[in-house]
Amino acid sequence: MQKLPAVEEAKALFAEARDWGMWTWLAEKRRARRTADAAWEALDAYEQKVKARWSVGIRAAAESDKALRGLERKAHQAHQNAETQFDEADRRMSTSMACEGAQMAIDAWELREAYIRKLEAFGREQPKAHAEPRPSGSGG
């Protein structure tokens, strides 16, 4: 998987954010939100690009692959957990929770990248096993 600039920017910002104090969080939370949203959008777009190259057979195989589905659920849950953490930190005005959420977001992006790398590998490994059936040349 190629490095996505929006994701790398988000990781760098959130690595800094792990050490932000209350005033910095208050001043920077809109920028952090925009940066995080851009990272998720970039990951979504890249995942769709990977899947768009797949044949119908590969898509069917991917949908039935338990390990792939499990990693997708794990990545999705990590994203949701980070979002929930930030919402709760905002509600409580808790800097420590926001700092923990920054690490959770980084972890979630890395997990999503791992999932996308698996999708890429799955697409490379499957063509022969799940190729579209070809008509026989016998002509009857």
Foldseek 3Di string as FASTA:
>chain_A
DDDDPLLVVLLVVLVVLLPDDLVCCVVCVVVNVVSLVSLVVVLVVLLVVLVVPADPQLVVVCVPDPVLVVLVVVLVVLCVVLVVLVVVCVVVSPSNSPSVSSVSSNVSSVSSVVSSVVSNVSRVPCCVVRPDDDDDPPPD
